[in-house]
Amino acid sequence: MRYRKKPVEIDAFQFKSSMPVDQWPDWARDAWGRGVIRRRHKRANNGELYEEVMVQSLEGAVIGTDGDWIIKGIKGELYICDDDIFKMTYERVE
């Protein structure tokens, strides 16, 4: 048997380390305030600093980097999606 995913609209935004939290959507700022989303600085092997985002998802803490998408699912759950997968899976709703 074959199945197709039901069309579902979700909320999402693309994480950019240069984007201040006050420019995030309301639901993401709320999650930030509750500690469900956190930012953290890491040092690469070459010594360069970069920023990650960590989301407490249903599967536990998940790490994302610049360009990944933070998605709010249909039950309010949050998760991270790679940019390539996001673009293959979702289209913008006007």
PDB file of N, CA and C in Angstrom:
ATOM      1  N   MET A   1       0.838  -1.186   0.000  1.00  0.00           N
ATOM      2  CA  MET A   1       0.000   0.000   0.000  1.00  0.00           C
ATOM      3  C   MET A   1       0.880   1.245   0.000  1.00  0.00           C
ATOM      4  N   ARG A   2       0.382   2.290  -0.612  1.00  0.00           N
ATOM      5  CA  ARG A   2       1.092   3.576  -0.640  1.00  0.00           C
ATOM      6  C   ARG A   2       0.249   4.610   0.077  1.00  0.00           C
ATOM      7  N   TYR A   3       0.912   5.580   0.675  1.00  0.00           N
ATOM      8  CA  TYR A   3       0.230   6.647   1.403  1.00  0.00           C
ATOM      9  C   TYR A   3       0.826   7.987   1.020  1.00  0.00           C
ATOM     10  N   ARG A   4      -0.001   9.010   1.120  1.00  0.00           N
ATOM     11  CA  ARG A   4       0.441  10.373   0.871  1.00  0.00           C
ATOM     12  C   ARG A   4       0.235  11.177   2.144  1.00  0.00           C
ATOM     13  N   LYS A   5       1.150  12.046   2.462  1.00  0.00           N
ATOM     14  CA  LYS A   5       1.026  12.910   3.623  1.00  0.00           C
ATOM     15  C   LYS A   5      -0.125  13.882   3.399  1.00  0.00           C
ATOM     16  N   LYS A   6      -0.979  14.021   4.412  1.00  0.00           N
ATOM     17  CA  LYS A   6      -2.095  14.967   4.304  1.00  0.00           C
ATOM     18  C   LYS A   6      -1.555  16.394   4.232  1.00  0.00           C
ATOM     19  N   PRO A   7      -2.206  17.247   3.460  1.00  0.00           N
ATOM     20  CA  PRO A   7      -1.748  18.639   3.424  1.00  0.00           C
ATOM     21  C   PRO A   7      -2.021  19.312   4.774  1.00  0.00           C
ATOM     22  N   VAL A   8      -0.970  19.810   5.371  1.00  0.00           N
ATOM     23  CA  VAL A   8      -1.050  20.449   6.671  1.00  0.00           C
ATOM     24  C   VAL A   8      -0.271  21.755   6.601  1.00  0.00           C
ATOM     25  N   GLU A   9      -0.827  22.815   7.157  1.00  0.00           N
ATOM     26  CA  GLU A   9      -0.115  24.079   7.232  1.00  0.00           C
ATOM     27  C   GLU A   9       0.597  24.157   8.571  1.00  0.00           C
ATOM     28  N   ILE A  10       1.848  24.593   8.543  1.00  0.00           N
ATOM     29  CA  ILE A  10       2.648  24.706   9.756  1.00  0.00           C
ATOM     30  C   ILE A  10       3.212  26.125   9.843  1.00  0.00           C
ATOM     31  N   ASP A  11       3.676  26.493  11.008  1.00  0.00           N
ATOM     32  CA  ASP A  11       4.430  27.733  11.192  1.00  0.00           C
ATOM     33  C   ASP A  11       5.901  27.372  11.201  1.00  0.00           C
ATOM     34  N   ALA A  12       6.722  28.207  10.586  1.00  0.00           N
ATOM     35  CA  ALA A  12       8.161  27.936  10.546  1.00  0.00           C
ATOM     36  C   ALA A  12       8.898  29.234  10.275  1.00  0.00           C
ATOM     37  N   PHE A  13      10.160  29.252  10.674  1.00  0.00           N
ATOM     38  CA  PHE A  13      11.039  30.341  10.266  1.00  0.00           C
ATOM     39  C   PHE A  13      12.447  29.793  10.131  1.00  0.00           C
ATOM     40  N   GLN A  14      13.218  30.446   9.264  1.00  0.00           N
ATOM     41  CA  GLN A  14      14.570  29.992   9.017  1.00  0.00           C
ATOM     42  C   GLN A  14      15.510  30.643  10.014  1.00  0.00           C
ATOM     43  N   PHE A  15      16.233  29.816  10.770  1.00  0.00           N
ATOM     44  CA  PHE A  15      17.167  30.317  11.776  1.00  0.00           C
ATOM     45  C   PHE A  15      18.382  30.933  11.099  1.00  0.00           C
ATOM     46  N   LYS A  16      18.680  32.148  11.488  1.00  0.00           N
ATOM     47  CA  LYS A  16      19.891  32.844  11.063  1.00  0.00           C
ATOM     48  C   LYS A  16      20.537  33.377  12.331  1.00  0.00           C
ATOM     49  N   SER A  17      21.799  33.056  12.533  1.00  0.00           N
ATOM     50  CA  SER A  17      22.467  33.488  13.761  1.00  0.00           C
ATOM     51  C   SER A  17      22.508  35.007  13.875  1.00  0.00           C
ATOM     52  N   SER A  18      22.411  35.697  12.757  1.00  0.00           N
ATOM     53  CA  SER A  18      22.441  37.159  12.769  1.00  0.00           C
ATOM     54  C   SER A  18      21.078  37.774  13.122  1.00  0.00           C
ATOM     55  N   MET A  19      20.033  36.947  13.201  1.00  0.00           N
ATOM     56  CA  MET A  19      18.687  37.455  13.454  1.00  0.00           C
ATOM     57  C   MET A  19      18.437  37.551  14.968  1.00  0.00           C
ATOM     58  N   PRO A  20      18.179  38.761  15.494  1.00  0.00           N
ATOM     59  CA  PRO A  20      17.878  38.885  16.919  1.00  0.00           C
ATOM     60  C   PRO A  20      16.563  38.180  17.273  1.00  0.00           C
ATOM     61  N   VAL A  21      16.482  37.693  18.492  1.00  0.00           N
ATOM     62  CA  VAL A  21      15.299  36.968  18.947  1.00  0.00           C
ATOM     63  C   VAL A  21      14.039  37.820  18.811  1.00  0.00           C
ATOM     64  N   ASP A  22      14.158  39.137  18.989  1.00  0.00           N
ATOM     65  CA  ASP A  22      12.952  39.976  18.903  1.00  0.00           C
ATOM     66  C   ASP A  22      12.382  40.053  17.490  1.00  0.00           C
ATOM     67  N   GLN A  23      13.098  39.508  16.495  1.00  0.00           N
ATOM     68  CA  GLN A  23      12.569  39.446  15.129  1.00  0.00           C
ATOM     69  C   GLN A  23      11.988  38.077  14.798  1.00  0.00           C
ATOM     70  N   TRP A  24      12.052  37.132  15.745  1.00  0.00           N
ATOM     71  CA  TRP A  24      11.452  35.815  15.559  1.00  0.00           C
ATOM     72  C   TRP A  24       9.941  35.932  15.641  1.00  0.00           C
ATOM     73  N   PRO A  25       9.202  34.976  15.105  1.00  0.00           N
ATOM     74  CA  PRO A  25       7.743  34.980  15.255  1.00  0.00           C
ATOM     75  C   PRO A  25       7.360  34.860  16.741  1.00  0.00           C
ATOM     76  N   ASP A  26       6.165  35.320  17.085  1.00  0.00           N
ATOM     77  CA  ASP A  26       5.702  35.307  18.477  1.00  0.00           C
ATOM     78  C   ASP A  26       5.839  33.931  19.120  1.00  0.00           C
ATOM     79  N   TRP A  27       5.418  32.870  18.428  1.00  0.00           N
ATOM     80  CA  TRP A  27       5.454  31.530  19.010  1.00  0.00           C
ATOM     81  C   TRP A  27       6.877  31.087  19.320  1.00  0.00           C
ATOM     82  N   ALA A  28       7.839  31.520  18.505  1.00  0.00           N
ATOM     83  CA  ALA A  28       9.239  31.156  18.736  1.00  0.00           C
ATOM     84  C   ALA A  28       9.823  31.964  19.896  1.00  0.00           C
ATOM     85  N   ARG A  29       9.457  33.250  19.979  1.00  0.00           N
ATOM     86  CA  ARG A  29       9.907  34.063  21.115  1.00  0.00           C
ATOM     87  C   ARG A  29       9.352  33.511  22.424  1.00  0.00           C
ATOM     88  N   ASP A  30       8.116  33.045  22.393  1.00  0.00           N
ATOM     89  CA  ASP A  30       7.508  32.438  23.577  1.00  0.00           C
ATOM     90  C   ASP A  30       8.287  31.175  23.980  1.00  0.00           C
ATOM     91  N   ALA A  31       8.627  30.336  23.008  1.00  0.00           N
ATOM     92  CA  ALA A  31       9.396  29.119  23.277  1.00  0.00           C
ATOM     93  C   ALA A  31      10.784  29.473  23.815  1.00  0.00           C
ATOM     94  N   TRP A  32      11.371  30.537  23.293  1.00  0.00           N
ATOM     95  CA  TRP A  32      12.666  31.031  23.776  1.00  0.00           C
ATOM     96  C   TRP A  32      12.542  31.416  25.256  1.00  0.00           C
ATOM     97  N   GLY A  33      11.493  32.138  25.588  1.00  0.00           N
ATOM     98  CA  GLY A  33      11.276  32.572  26.970  1.00  0.00           C
ATOM     99  C   GLY A  33      11.082  31.407  27.929  1.00  0.00           C
ATOM    100  N   ARG A  34      10.542  30.307  27.435  1.00  0.00           N
ATOM    101  CA  ARG A  34      10.326  29.111  28.259  1.00  0.00           C
ATOM    102  C   ARG A  34      11.524  28.170  28.240  1.00  0.00           C
ATOM    103  N   GLY A  35      12.567  28.506  27.474  1.00  0.00           N
ATOM    104  CA  GLY A  35      13.761  27.673  27.405  1.00  0.00           C
ATOM    105  C   GLY A  35      13.647  26.490  26.466  1.00  0.00           C
ATOM    106  N   VAL A  36      12.590  26.452  25.653  1.00  0.00           N
ATOM    107  CA  VAL A  36      12.401  25.357  24.695  1.00  0.00           C
ATOM    108  C   VAL A  36      13.342  25.538  23.498  1.00  0.00           C
ATOM    109  N   ILE A  37      13.642  26.782  23.168  1.00  0.00           N
ATOM    110  CA  ILE A  37      14.627  27.105  22.135  1.00  0.00           C
ATOM    111  C   ILE A  37      15.749  27.866  22.826  1.00  0.00           C
ATOM    112  N   ARG A  38      16.981  27.471  22.511  1.00  0.00           N
ATOM    113  CA  ARG A  38      18.154  28.165  23.064  1.00  0.00           C
ATOM    114  C   ARG A  38      19.186  28.351  21.967  1.00  0.00           C
ATOM    115  N   ARG A  39      19.958  29.403  22.123  1.00  0.00           N
ATOM    116  CA  ARG A  39      21.088  29.631  21.229  1.00  0.00           C
ATOM    117  C   ARG A  39      22.361  29.354  22.026  1.00  0.00           C
ATOM    118  N   ARG A  40      23.382  28.845  21.345  1.00  0.00           N
ATOM    119  CA  ARG A  40      24.661  28.647  22.035  1.00  0.00           C
ATOM    120  C   ARG A  40      25.809  28.845  21.063  1.00  0.00           C
ATOM    121  N   HIS A  41      26.885  29.394  21.569  1.00  0.00           N
ATOM    122  CA  HIS A  41      28.076  29.626  20.759  1.00  0.00           C
ATOM    123  C   HIS A  41      29.001  28.430  20.868  1.00  0.00           C
ATOM    124  N   LYS A  42      29.567  28.058  19.744  1.00  0.00           N
ATOM    125  CA  LYS A  42      30.503  26.937  19.664  1.00  0.00           C
ATOM    126  C   LYS A  42      31.759  27.425  18.947  1.00  0.00           C
ATOM    127  N   ARG A  43      32.832  26.698  19.157  1.00  0.00           N
ATOM    128  CA  ARG A  43      34.077  27.024  18.470  1.00  0.00           C
ATOM    129  C   ARG A  43      34.419  25.899  17.504  1.00  0.00           C
ATOM    130  N   ALA A  44      34.603  26.246  16.248  1.00  0.00           N
ATOM    131  CA  ALA A  44      34.969  25.273  15.212  1.00  0.00           C
ATOM    132  C   ALA A  44      36.419  24.835  15.409  1.00  0.00           C
ATOM    133  N   ASN A  45      36.793  23.778  14.735  1.00  0.00           N
ATOM    134  CA  ASN A  45      38.170  23.271  14.836  1.00  0.00           C
ATOM    135  C   ASN A  45      39.210  24.321  14.450  1.00  0.00           C
ATOM    136  N   ASN A  46      38.836  25.223  13.568  1.00  0.00           N
ATOM    137  CA  ASN A  46      39.765  26.274  13.150  1.00  0.00           C
ATOM    138  C   ASN A  46      39.777  27.465  14.118  1.00  0.00           C
ATOM    139  N   GLY A  47      39.018  27.353  15.222  1.00  0.00           N
ATOM    140  CA  GLY A  47      38.990  28.411  16.235  1.00  0.00           C
ATOM    141  C   GLY A  47      37.899  29.442  16.033  1.00  0.00           C
ATOM    142  N   GLU A  48      37.226  29.382  14.891  1.00  0.00           N
ATOM    143  CA  GLU A  48      36.169  30.347  14.597  1.00  0.00           C
ATOM    144  C   GLU A  48      34.923  30.076  15.432  1.00  0.00           C
ATOM    145  N   LEU A  49      34.304  31.147  15.938  1.00  0.00           N
ATOM    146  CA  LEU A  49      33.058  31.011  16.691  1.00  0.00           C
ATOM    147  C   LEU A  49      31.873  30.950  15.745  1.00  0.00           C
ATOM    148  N   TYR A  50      30.903  30.106  16.070  1.00  0.00           N
ATOM    149  CA  TYR A  50      29.645  30.074  15.330  1.00  0.00           C
ATOM    150  C   TYR A  50      28.526  29.809  16.326  1.00  0.00           C
ATOM    151  N   GLU A  51      27.308  29.989  15.877  1.00  0.00           N
ATOM    152  CA  GLU A  51      26.166  29.835  16.762  1.00  0.00           C
ATOM    153  C   GLU A  51      25.283  28.688  16.308  1.00  0.00           C
ATOM    154  N   GLU A  52      24.818  27.927  17.264  1.00  0.00           N
ATOM    155  CA  GLU A  52      23.843  26.863  17.023  1.00  0.00           C
ATOM    156  C   GLU A  52      22.548  27.236  17.716  1.00  0.00           C
ATOM    157  N   VAL A  53      21.492  26.567  17.299  1.00  0.00           N
ATOM    158  CA  VAL A  53      20.214  26.687  17.984  1.00  0.00           C
ATOM    159  C   VAL A  53      19.849  25.293  18.477  1.00  0.00           C
ATOM    160  N   MET A  54      19.321  25.229  19.689  1.00  0.00           N
ATOM    161  CA  MET A  54      18.923  23.942  20.255  1.00  0.00           C
ATOM    162  C   MET A  54      17.430  24.001  20.567  1.00  0.00           C
ATOM    163  N   VAL A  55      16.704  23.002  20.109  1.00  0.00           N
ATOM    164  CA  VAL A  55      15.259  22.927  20.311  1.00  0.00           C
ATOM    165  C   VAL A  55      14.950  21.670  21.118  1.00  0.00           C
ATOM    166  N   GLN A  56      14.164  21.834  22.165  1.00  0.00           N
ATOM    167  CA  GLN A  56      13.676  20.684  22.925  1.00  0.00           C
ATOM    168  C   GLN A  56      12.480  20.131  22.154  1.00  0.00           C
ATOM    169  N   SER A  57      12.713  19.063  21.412  1.00  0.00           N
ATOM    170  CA  SER A  57      11.659  18.464  20.592  1.00  0.00           C
ATOM    171  C   SER A  57      11.075  17.263  21.330  1.00  0.00           C
ATOM    172  N   LEU A  58      10.100  16.620  20.723  1.00  0.00           N
ATOM    173  CA  LEU A  58       9.522  15.413  21.305  1.00  0.00           C
ATOM    174  C   LEU A  58      10.565  14.306  21.426  1.00  0.00           C
ATOM    175  N   GLU A  59      11.599  14.348  20.581  1.00  0.00           N
ATOM    176  CA  GLU A  59      12.659  13.337  20.600  1.00  0.00           C
ATOM    177  C   GLU A  59      13.818  13.722  21.499  1.00  0.00           C
ATOM    178  N   GLY A  60      13.738  14.866  22.169  1.00  0.00           N
ATOM    179  CA  GLY A  60      14.840  15.370  22.999  1.00  0.00           C
ATOM    180  C   GLY A  60      15.459  16.596  22.363  1.00  0.00           C
ATOM    181  N   ALA A  61      16.621  16.994  22.860  1.00  0.00           N
ATOM    182  CA  ALA A  61      17.301  18.186  22.354  1.00  0.00           C
ATOM    183  C   ALA A  61      17.844  17.920  20.954  1.00  0.00           C
ATOM    184  N   VAL A  62      17.532  18.820  20.024  1.00  0.00           N
ATOM    185  CA  VAL A  62      17.985  18.717  18.640  1.00  0.00           C
ATOM    186  C   VAL A  62      18.735  20.004  18.308  1.00  0.00           C
ATOM    187  N   ILE A  63      19.877  19.860  17.642  1.00  0.00           N
ATOM    188  CA  ILE A  63      20.730  20.995  17.311  1.00  0.00           C
ATOM    189  C   ILE A  63      20.550  21.384  15.851  1.00  0.00           C
ATOM    190  N   GLY A  64      20.444  22.688  15.620  1.00  0.00           N
ATOM    191  CA  GLY A  64      20.386  23.216  14.266  1.00  0.00           C
ATOM    192  C   GLY A  64      21.450  24.285  14.082  1.00  0.00           C
ATOM    193  N   THR A  65      21.721  24.610  12.842  1.00  0.00           N
ATOM    194  CA  THR A  65      22.712  25.635  12.522  1.00  0.00           C
ATOM    195  C   THR A  65      22.103  26.638  11.553  1.00  0.00           C
ATOM    196  N   ASP A  66      22.900  27.631  11.216  1.00  0.00           N
ATOM    197  CA  ASP A  66      22.452  28.679  10.297  1.00  0.00           C
ATOM    198  C   ASP A  66      21.778  28.076   9.070  1.00  0.00           C
ATOM    199  N   GLY A  67      20.588  28.567   8.751  1.00  0.00           N
ATOM    200  CA  GLY A  67      19.871  28.130   7.559  1.00  0.00           C
ATOM    201  C   GLY A  67      18.866  27.028   7.804  1.00  0.00           C
ATOM    202  N   ASP A  68      18.961  26.336   8.947  1.00  0.00           N
ATOM    203  CA  ASP A  68      17.958  25.320   9.274  1.00  0.00           C
ATOM    204  C   ASP A  68      16.642  26.010   9.636  1.00  0.00           C
ATOM    205  N   TRP A  69      15.566  25.270   9.535  1.00  0.00           N
ATOM    206  CA  TRP A  69      14.238  25.799   9.833  1.00  0.00           C
ATOM    207  C   TRP A  69      13.760  25.283  11.180  1.00  0.00           C
ATOM    208  N   ILE A  70      13.139  26.167  11.952  1.00  0.00           N
ATOM    209  CA  ILE A  70      12.473  25.769  13.188  1.00  0.00           C
ATOM    210  C   ILE A  70      10.991  25.725  12.866  1.00  0.00           C
ATOM    211  N   ILE A  71      10.392  24.567  13.106  1.00  0.00           N
ATOM    212  CA  ILE A  71       9.003  24.318  12.721  1.00  0.00           C
ATOM    213  C   ILE A  71       8.157  24.089  13.958  1.00  0.00           C
ATOM    214  N   LYS A  72       6.974  24.682  13.935  1.00  0.00           N
ATOM    215  CA  LYS A  72       5.970  24.420  14.968  1.00  0.00           C
ATOM    216  C   LYS A  72       4.937  23.502  14.331  1.00  0.00           C
ATOM    217  N   GLY A  73       4.838  22.279  14.847  1.00  0.00           N
ATOM    218  CA  GLY A  73       3.930  21.291  14.289  1.00  0.00           C
ATOM    219  C   GLY A  73       2.477  21.562  14.646  1.00  0.00           C
ATOM    220  N   ILE A  74       1.595  20.704  14.175  1.00  0.00           N
ATOM    221  CA  ILE A  74       0.156  20.920  14.334  1.00  0.00           C
ATOM    222  C   ILE A  74      -0.316  20.799  15.771  1.00  0.00           C
ATOM    223  N   LYS A  75       0.472  20.171  16.636  1.00  0.00           N
ATOM    224  CA  LYS A  75       0.117  20.076  18.051  1.00  0.00           C
ATOM    225  C   LYS A  75       0.959  21.013  18.913  1.00  0.00           C
ATOM    226  N   GLY A  76       1.678  21.941  18.275  1.00  0.00           N
ATOM    227  CA  GLY A  76       2.501  22.900  18.999  1.00  0.00           C
ATOM    228  C   GLY A  76       3.916  22.417  19.264  1.00  0.00           C
ATOM    229  N   GLU A  77       4.233  21.204  18.842  1.00  0.00           N
ATOM    230  CA  GLU A  77       5.579  20.670  19.051  1.00  0.00           C
ATOM    231  C   GLU A  77       6.564  21.387  18.135  1.00  0.00           C
ATOM    232  N   LEU A  78       7.804  21.517  18.585  1.00  0.00           N
ATOM    233  CA  LEU A  78       8.836  22.187  17.801  1.00  0.00           C
ATOM    234  C   LEU A  78       9.878  21.192  17.342  1.00  0.00           C
ATOM    235  N   TYR A  79      10.395  21.417  16.166  1.00  0.00           N
ATOM    236  CA  TYR A  79      11.484  20.597  15.673  1.00  0.00           C
ATOM    237  C   TYR A  79      12.275  21.364  14.636  1.00  0.00           C
ATOM    238  N   ILE A  80      13.437  20.831  14.290  1.00  0.00           N
ATOM    239  CA  ILE A  80      14.350  21.466  13.344  1.00  0.00           C
ATOM    240  C   ILE A  80      14.361  20.664  12.053  1.00  0.00           C
ATOM    241  N   CYS A  81      14.452  21.384  10.941  1.00  0.00           N
ATOM    242  CA  CYS A  81      14.486  20.737   9.630  1.00  0.00           C
ATOM    243  C   CYS A  81      15.590  21.380   8.799  1.00  0.00           C
ATOM    244  N   ASP A  82      16.400  20.554   8.170  1.00  0.00           N
ATOM    245  CA  ASP A  82      17.435  21.012   7.259  1.00  0.00           C
ATOM    246  C   ASP A  82      16.805  21.801   6.109  1.00  0.00           C
ATOM    247  N   ASP A  83      17.484  22.825   5.643  1.00  0.00           N
ATOM    248  CA  ASP A  83      16.957  23.690   4.586  1.00  0.00           C
ATOM    249  C   ASP A  83      16.581  22.921   3.324  1.00  0.00           C
ATOM    250  N   ASP A  84      17.420  21.992   2.895  1.00  0.00           N
ATOM    251  CA  ASP A  84      17.128  21.222   1.665  1.00  0.00           C
ATOM    252  C   ASP A  84      15.849  20.403   1.814  1.00  0.00           C
ATOM    253  N   ILE A  85      15.701  19.719   2.943  1.00  0.00           N
ATOM    254  CA  ILE A  85      14.507  18.909   3.195  1.00  0.00           C
ATOM    255  C   ILE A  85      13.278  19.799   3.295  1.00  0.00           C
ATOM    256  N   PHE A  86      13.422  20.939   3.975  1.00  0.00           N
ATOM    257  CA  PHE A  86      12.300  21.868   4.112  1.00  0.00           C
ATOM    258  C   PHE A  86      11.800  22.302   2.737  1.00  0.00           C
ATOM    259  N   LYS A  87      12.718  22.678   1.864  1.00  0.00           N
ATOM    260  CA  LYS A  87      12.330  23.156   0.538  1.00  0.00           C
ATOM    261  C   LYS A  87      11.693  22.070  -0.318  1.00  0.00           C
ATOM    262  N   MET A  88      12.065  20.796  -0.085  1.00  0.00           N
ATOM    263  CA  MET A  88      11.451  19.688  -0.838  1.00  0.00           C
ATOM    264  C   MET A  88      10.077  19.325  -0.281  1.00  0.00           C
ATOM    265  N   THR A  89       9.821  19.660   0.983  1.00  0.00           N
ATOM    266  CA  THR A  89       8.625  19.205   1.676  1.00  0.00           C
ATOM    267  C   THR A  89       7.532  20.267   1.778  1.00  0.00           C
ATOM    268  N   TYR A  90       7.924  21.530   1.893  1.00  0.00           N
ATOM    269  CA  TYR A  90       6.966  22.589   2.161  1.00  0.00           C
ATOM    270  C   TYR A  90       6.964  23.651   1.077  1.00  0.00           C
ATOM    271  N   GLU A  91       5.828  24.294   0.908  1.00  0.00           N
ATOM    272  CA  GLU A  91       5.736  25.471   0.057  1.00  0.00           C
ATOM    273  C   GLU A  91       5.016  26.555   0.833  1.00  0.00           C
ATOM    274  N   ARG A  92       5.345  27.789   0.542  1.00  0.00           N
ATOM    275  CA  ARG A  92       4.781  28.927   1.277  1.00  0.00           C
ATOM    276  C   ARG A  92       3.293  29.071   1.006  1.00  0.00           C
ATOM    277  N   VAL A  93       2.518  29.364   2.049  1.00  0.00           N
ATOM    278  CA  VAL A  93       1.089  29.593   1.934  1.00  0.00           C
ATOM    279  C   VAL A  93       0.853  31.092   1.954  1.00  0.00           C
ATOM    280  N   GLU A  94       0.143  31.576   0.983  1.00  0.00           N
ATOM    281  CA  GLU A  94      -0.157  33.025   0.925  1.00  0.00           C
ATOM    282  C   GLU A  94      -1.420  33.349   1.662  1.00  0.00           C
TER     283      GLU A  94
END
